[in-house]
PDB file of N, CA and C in Angstrom:
ATOM      1  N   MET A   1       0.844  -1.183   0.000  1.00  0.00           N
ATOM      2  CA  MET A   1       0.000   0.000   0.000  1.00  0.00           C
ATOM      3  C   MET A   1       0.889   1.246   0.000  1.00  0.00           C
ATOM      4  N   GLN A   2       0.518   2.201  -0.770  1.00  0.00           N
ATOM      5  CA  GLN A   2       1.266   3.441  -0.866  1.00  0.00           C
ATOM      6  C   GLN A   2       1.009   4.312   0.361  1.00  0.00           C
ATOM      7  N   TYR A   3       1.952   5.196   0.637  1.00  0.00           N
ATOM      8  CA  TYR A   3       1.814   6.122   1.759  1.00  0.00           C
ATOM      9  C   TYR A   3       0.551   6.966   1.605  1.00  0.00           C
ATOM     10  N   SER A   4       0.298   7.429   0.394  1.00  0.00           N
ATOM     11  CA  SER A   4      -0.872   8.286   0.158  1.00  0.00           C
ATOM     12  C   SER A   4      -2.175   7.515   0.383  1.00  0.00           C
ATOM     13  N   ASN A   5      -2.146   6.209   0.164  1.00  0.00           N
ATOM     14  CA  ASN A   5      -3.336   5.389   0.392  1.00  0.00           C
ATOM     15  C   ASN A   5      -3.593   5.178   1.882  1.00  0.00           C
ATOM     16  N   CYS A   6      -2.559   5.244   2.673  1.00  0.00           N
ATOM     17  CA  CYS A   6      -2.683   5.024   4.125  1.00  0.00           C
ATOM     18  C   CYS A   6      -3.010   6.307   4.878  1.00  0.00           C
ATOM     19  N   LEU A   7      -2.761   7.432   4.264  1.00  0.00           N
ATOM     20  CA  LEU A   7      -2.890   8.709   4.969  1.00  0.00           C
ATOM     21  C   LEU A   7      -4.323   8.988   5.414  1.00  0.00           C
ATOM     22  N   ALA A   8      -5.287   8.811   4.547  1.00  0.00           N
ATOM     23  CA  ALA A   8      -6.684   9.114   4.900  1.00  0.00           C
ATOM     24  C   ALA A   8      -7.185   8.216   6.032  1.00  0.00           C
ATOM     25  N   PRO A   9      -6.989   6.891   5.957  1.00  0.00           N
ATOM     26  CA  PRO A   9      -7.422   6.054   7.083  1.00  0.00           C
ATOM     27  C   PRO A   9      -6.678   6.394   8.380  1.00  0.00           C
ATOM     28  N   PHE A  10      -5.390   6.760   8.262  1.00  0.00           N
ATOM     29  CA  PHE A  10      -4.624   7.121   9.451  1.00  0.00           C
ATOM     30  C   PHE A  10      -5.184   8.383  10.092  1.00  0.00           C
ATOM     31  N   ILE A  11      -5.535   9.362   9.270  1.00  0.00           N
ATOM     32  CA  ILE A  11      -6.099  10.610   9.795  1.00  0.00           C
ATOM     33  C   ILE A  11      -7.436  10.344  10.477  1.00  0.00           C
ATOM     34  N   LEU A  12      -8.265   9.500   9.896  1.00  0.00           N
ATOM     35  CA  LEU A  12      -9.543   9.134  10.522  1.00  0.00           C
ATOM     36  C   LEU A  12      -9.323   8.409  11.844  1.00  0.00           C
ATOM     37  N   LEU A  13      -8.364   7.484  11.846  1.00  0.00           N
ATOM     38  CA  LEU A  13      -8.050   6.749  13.066  1.00  0.00           C
ATOM     39  C   LEU A  13      -7.516   7.682  14.145  1.00  0.00           C
ATOM     40  N   GLN A  14      -6.657   8.593  13.748  1.00  0.00           N
ATOM     41  CA  GLN A  14      -6.097   9.559  14.692  1.00  0.00           C
ATOM     42  C   GLN A  14      -7.197  10.449  15.277  1.00  0.00           C
ATOM     43  N   ALA A  15      -8.124  10.897  14.435  1.00  0.00           N
ATOM     44  CA  ALA A  15      -9.227  11.746  14.906  1.00  0.00           C
ATOM     45  C   ALA A  15     -10.114  10.971  15.884  1.00  0.00           C
ATOM     46  N   ARG A  16     -10.380   9.718  15.551  1.00  0.00           N
ATOM     47  CA  ARG A  16     -11.200   8.895  16.448  1.00  0.00           C
ATOM     48  C   ARG A  16     -10.491   8.678  17.786  1.00  0.00           C
ATOM     49  N   PHE A  17      -9.199   8.422  17.725  1.00  0.00           N
ATOM     50  CA  PHE A  17      -8.414   8.223  18.947  1.00  0.00           C
ATOM     51  C   PHE A  17      -8.452   9.479  19.812  1.00  0.00           C
ATOM     52  N   MET A  18      -8.255  10.644  19.205  1.00  0.00           N
ATOM     53  CA  MET A  18      -8.259  11.898  19.969  1.00  0.00           C
ATOM     54  C   MET A  18      -9.642  12.145  20.586  1.00  0.00           C
ATOM     55  N   LYS A  19     -10.696  11.839  19.834  1.00  0.00           N
ATOM     56  CA  LYS A  19     -12.051  12.007  20.367  1.00  0.00           C
ATOM     57  C   LYS A  19     -12.265  11.110  21.582  1.00  0.00           C
ATOM     58  N   LEU A  20     -11.833   9.862  21.468  1.00  0.00           N
ATOM     59  CA  LEU A  20     -11.999   8.921  22.582  1.00  0.00           C
ATOM     60  C   LEU A  20     -11.163   9.330  23.794  1.00  0.00           C
ATOM     61  N   MET A  21      -9.976   9.833  23.560  1.00  0.00           N
ATOM     62  CA  MET A  21      -9.139  10.269  24.683  1.00  0.00           C
ATOM     63  C   MET A  21      -9.761  11.479  25.383  1.00  0.00           C
ATOM     64  N   ASN A  22     -10.355  12.384  24.615  1.00  0.00           N
ATOM     65  CA  ASN A  22     -11.041  13.536  25.218  1.00  0.00           C
ATOM     66  C   ASN A  22     -12.251  13.081  26.024  1.00  0.00           C
ATOM     67  N   GLU A  23     -13.004  12.125  25.486  1.00  0.00           N
ATOM     68  CA  GLU A  23     -14.146  11.583  26.217  1.00  0.00           C
ATOM     69  C   GLU A  23     -13.692  10.905  27.508  1.00  0.00           C
ATOM     70  N   LYS A  24     -12.590  10.167  27.417  1.00  0.00           N
ATOM     71  CA  LYS A  24     -12.062   9.495  28.607  1.00  0.00           C
ATOM     72  C   LYS A  24     -11.660  10.514  29.664  1.00  0.00           C
ATOM     73  N   ALA A  25     -10.993  11.588  29.246  1.00  0.00           N
ATOM     74  CA  ALA A  25     -10.593  12.630  30.192  1.00  0.00           C
ATOM     75  C   ALA A  25     -11.811  13.266  30.845  1.00  0.00           C
ATOM     76  N   SER A  26     -12.856  13.504  30.061  1.00  0.00           N
ATOM     77  CA  SER A  26     -14.088  14.083  30.609  1.00  0.00           C
ATOM     78  C   SER A  26     -14.736  13.133  31.608  1.00  0.00           C
ATOM     79  N   LEU A  27     -14.744  11.851  31.281  1.00  0.00           N
ATOM     80  CA  LEU A  27     -15.344  10.865  32.189  1.00  0.00           C
ATOM     81  C   LEU A  27     -14.536  10.740  33.481  1.00  0.00           C
ATOM     82  N   ILE A  28     -13.225  10.783  33.380  1.00  0.00           N
ATOM     83  CA  ILE A  28     -12.391  10.721  34.582  1.00  0.00           C
ATOM     84  C   ILE A  28     -12.671  11.929  35.471  1.00  0.00           C
ATOM     85  N   GLU A  29     -12.802  13.100  34.857  1.00  0.00           N
ATOM     86  CA  GLU A  29     -13.114  14.312  35.621  1.00  0.00           C
ATOM     87  C   GLU A  29     -14.477  14.185  36.295  1.00  0.00           C
ATOM     88  N   ARG A  30     -15.446  13.645  35.573  1.00  0.00           N
ATOM     89  CA  ARG A  30     -16.795  13.478  36.138  1.00  0.00           C
ATOM     90  C   ARG A  30     -16.783  12.490  37.303  1.00  0.00           C
ATOM     91  N   ILE A  31     -16.006  11.417  37.157  1.00  0.00           N
ATOM     92  CA  ILE A  31     -15.884  10.432  38.239  1.00  0.00           C
ATOM     93  C   ILE A  31     -15.311  11.086  39.486  1.00  0.00           C
ATOM     94  N   GLN A  32     -14.292  11.921  39.305  1.00  0.00           N
ATOM     95  CA  GLN A  32     -13.692  12.605  40.450  1.00  0.00           C
ATOM     96  C   GLN A  32     -14.701  13.540  41.117  1.00  0.00           C
ATOM     97  N   GLU A  33     -15.500  14.246  40.306  1.00  0.00           N
ATOM     98  CA  GLU A  33     -16.530  15.124  40.871  1.00  0.00           C
ATOM     99  C   GLU A  33     -17.545  14.316  41.680  1.00  0.00           C
ATOM    100  N   LEU A  34     -17.977  13.183  41.125  1.00  0.00           N
ATOM    101  CA  LEU A  34     -18.972  12.354  41.811  1.00  0.00           C
ATOM    102  C   LEU A  34     -18.399  11.735  43.083  1.00  0.00           C
ATOM    103  N   GLU A  35     -17.120  11.353  43.052  1.00  0.00           N
ATOM    104  CA  GLU A  35     -16.498  10.822  44.267  1.00  0.00           C
ATOM    105  C   GLU A  35     -16.443  11.890  45.341  1.00  0.00           C
ATOM    106  N   HIS A  36     -16.151  13.120  44.966  1.00  0.00           N
ATOM    107  CA  HIS A  36     -16.107  14.224  45.925  1.00  0.00           C
ATOM    108  C   HIS A  36     -17.499  14.464  46.521  1.00  0.00           C
ATOM    109  N   ILE A  37     -18.519  14.442  45.680  1.00  0.00           N
ATOM    110  CA  ILE A  37     -19.892  14.623  46.158  1.00  0.00           C
ATOM    111  C   ILE A  37     -20.278  13.487  47.102  1.00  0.00           C
ATOM    112  N   THR A  38     -19.869  12.263  46.774  1.00  0.00           N
ATOM    113  CA  THR A  38     -20.165  11.115  47.624  1.00  0.00           C
ATOM    114  C   THR A  38     -19.546  11.278  49.006  1.00  0.00           C
ATOM    115  N   VAL A  39     -18.305  11.748  49.051  1.00  0.00           N
ATOM    116  CA  VAL A  39     -17.636  11.967  50.342  1.00  0.00           C
ATOM    117  C   VAL A  39     -18.367  13.048  51.128  1.00  0.00           C
ATOM    118  N   GLN A  40     -18.740  14.130  50.452  1.00  0.00           N
ATOM    119  CA  GLN A  40     -19.470  15.205  51.133  1.00  0.00           C
ATOM    120  C   GLN A  40     -20.786  14.691  51.708  1.00  0.00           C
ATOM    121  N   LEU A  41     -21.535  13.940  50.915  1.00  0.00           N
ATOM    122  CA  LEU A  41     -22.818  13.410  51.384  1.00  0.00           C
ATOM    123  C   LEU A  41     -22.629  12.438  52.538  1.00  0.00           C
ATOM    124  N   SER A  42     -21.565  11.680  52.498  1.00  0.00           N
ATOM    125  CA  SER A  42     -21.269  10.752  53.588  1.00  0.00           C
ATOM    126  C   SER A  42     -21.042  11.516  54.892  1.00  0.00           C
ATOM    127  N   HIS A  43     -20.276  12.603  54.812  1.00  0.00           N
ATOM    128  CA  HIS A  43     -20.028  13.413  56.011  1.00  0.00           C
ATOM    129  C   HIS A  43     -21.314  14.058  56.512  1.00  0.00           C
ATOM    130  N   GLU A  44     -22.132  14.538  55.588  1.00  0.00           N
ATOM    131  CA  GLU A  44     -23.396  15.150  55.985  1.00  0.00           C
ATOM    132  C   GLU A  44     -24.319  14.125  56.640  1.00  0.00           C
ATOM    133  N   THR A  45     -24.319  12.905  56.113  1.00  0.00           N
ATOM    134  CA  THR A  45     -25.135  11.841  56.700  1.00  0.00           C
ATOM    135  C   THR A  45     -24.680  11.543  58.119  1.00  0.00           C
ATOM    136  N   GLU A  46     -23.360  11.482  58.329  1.00  0.00           N
ATOM    137  CA  GLU A  46     -22.828  11.246  59.674  1.00  0.00           C
ATOM    138  C   GLU A  46     -23.227  12.379  60.611  1.00  0.00           C
ATOM    139  N   THR A  47     -23.140  13.611  60.124  1.00  0.00           N
ATOM    140  CA  THR A  47     -23.499  14.768  60.946  1.00  0.00           C
ATOM    141  C   THR A  47     -24.973  14.724  61.331  1.00  0.00           C
ATOM    142  N   ILE A  48     -25.824  14.396  60.381  1.00  0.00           N
ATOM    143  CA  ILE A  48     -27.257  14.301  60.665  1.00  0.00           C
ATOM    144  C   ILE A  48     -27.517  13.176  61.664  1.00  0.00           C
ATOM    145  N   GLY A  49     -26.830  12.045  61.495  1.00  0.00           N
ATOM    146  CA  GLY A  49     -26.988  10.930  62.429  1.00  0.00           C
ATOM    147  C   GLY A  49     -26.577  11.313  63.834  1.00  0.00           C
ATOM    148  N   GLU A  50     -25.459  12.033  63.954  1.00  0.00           N
ATOM    149  CA  GLU A  50     -25.013  12.481  65.276  1.00  0.00           C
ATOM    150  C   GLU A  50     -26.028  13.457  65.890  1.00  0.00           C
ATOM    151  N   TYR A  51     -26.542  14.349  65.066  1.00  0.00           N
ATOM    152  CA  TYR A  51     -27.530  15.312  65.535  1.00  0.00           C
ATOM    153  C   TYR A  51     -28.783  14.606  66.040  1.00  0.00           C
ATOM    154  N   LEU A  52     -29.270  13.647  65.270  1.00  0.00           N
ATOM    155  CA  LEU A  52     -30.466  12.905  65.692  1.00  0.00           C
ATOM    156  C   LEU A  52     -30.203  12.109  66.965  1.00  0.00           C
ATOM    157  N   TRP A  53     -29.034  11.507  67.075  1.00  0.00           N
ATOM    158  CA  TRP A  53     -28.678  10.753  68.274  1.00  0.00           C
ATOM    159  C   TRP A  53     -28.705  11.656  69.499  1.00  0.00           C
ATOM    160  N   ARG A  54     -28.179  12.880  69.366  1.00  0.00           N
ATOM    161  CA  ARG A  54     -28.195  13.831  70.483  1.00  0.00           C
ATOM    162  C   ARG A  54     -29.628  14.212  70.853  1.00  0.00           C
ATOM    163  N   ILE A  55     -30.476  14.402  69.857  1.00  0.00           N
ATOM    164  CA  ILE A  55     -31.880  14.739  70.130  1.00  0.00           C
ATOM    165  C   ILE A  55     -32.553  13.595  70.882  1.00  0.00           C
ATOM    166  N   ILE A  56     -32.273  12.365  70.482  1.00  0.00           N
ATOM    167  CA  ILE A  56     -32.865  11.202  71.161  1.00  0.00           C
ATOM    168  C   ILE A  56     -32.394  11.146  72.611  1.00  0.00           C
ATOM    169  N   ILE A  57     -31.115  11.336  72.841  1.00  0.00           N
ATOM    170  CA  ILE A  57     -30.578  11.290  74.210  1.00  0.00           C
ATOM    171  C   ILE A  57     -31.187  12.398  75.057  1.00  0.00           C
ATOM    172  N   ILE A  58     -31.244  13.602  74.509  1.00  0.00           N
ATOM    173  CA  ILE A  58     -31.829  14.721  75.257  1.00  0.00           C
ATOM    174  C   ILE A  58     -33.307  14.439  75.549  1.00  0.00           C
ATOM    175  N   SER A  59     -34.019  13.896  74.567  1.00  0.00           N
ATOM    176  CA  SER A  59     -35.441  13.595  74.770  1.00  0.00           C
ATOM    177  C   SER A  59     -35.639  12.561  75.863  1.00  0.00           C
ATOM    178  N   VAL A  60     -34.767  11.572  75.936  1.00  0.00           N
ATOM    179  CA  VAL A  60     -34.873  10.529  76.967  1.00  0.00           C
ATOM    180  C   VAL A  60     -34.701  11.152  78.346  1.00  0.00           C
ATOM    181  N   PHE A  61     -33.714  12.034  78.502  1.00  0.00           N
ATOM    182  CA  PHE A  61     -33.478  12.657  79.800  1.00  0.00           C
ATOM    183  C   PHE A  61     -34.570  13.651  80.170  1.00  0.00           C
ATOM    184  N   VAL A  62     -35.114  14.342  79.187  1.00  0.00           N
ATOM    185  CA  VAL A  62     -36.165  15.323  79.482  1.00  0.00           C
ATOM    186  C   VAL A  62     -37.464  14.606  79.836  1.00  0.00           C
ATOM    187  N   LEU A  63     -37.736  13.486  79.216  1.00  0.00           N
ATOM    188  CA  LEU A  63     -38.981  12.763  79.471  1.00  0.00           C
ATOM    189  C   LEU A  63     -38.958  12.019  80.796  1.00  0.00           C
ATOM    190  N   LYS A  64     -37.807  11.824  81.383  1.00  0.00           N
ATOM    191  CA  LYS A  64     -37.731  11.088  82.645  1.00  0.00           C
ATOM    192  C   LYS A  64     -38.227  11.880  83.776  1.00  0.00           C
TER     193      LYS A  64
END
């Protein structure tokens, strides 16, 4: 196969590769954002649980 015959398929392959790499980078960034949100929600859940536990303890002592 001549060089000129390979050039067009190579350019298409290169463009597809670059598109996929950009998509991969975007997905990695999105995963990192979602992991950060998950950690934040986990901390908020713990805080709410601690708050509710304190309310229960206070309610037990006040009702006695």
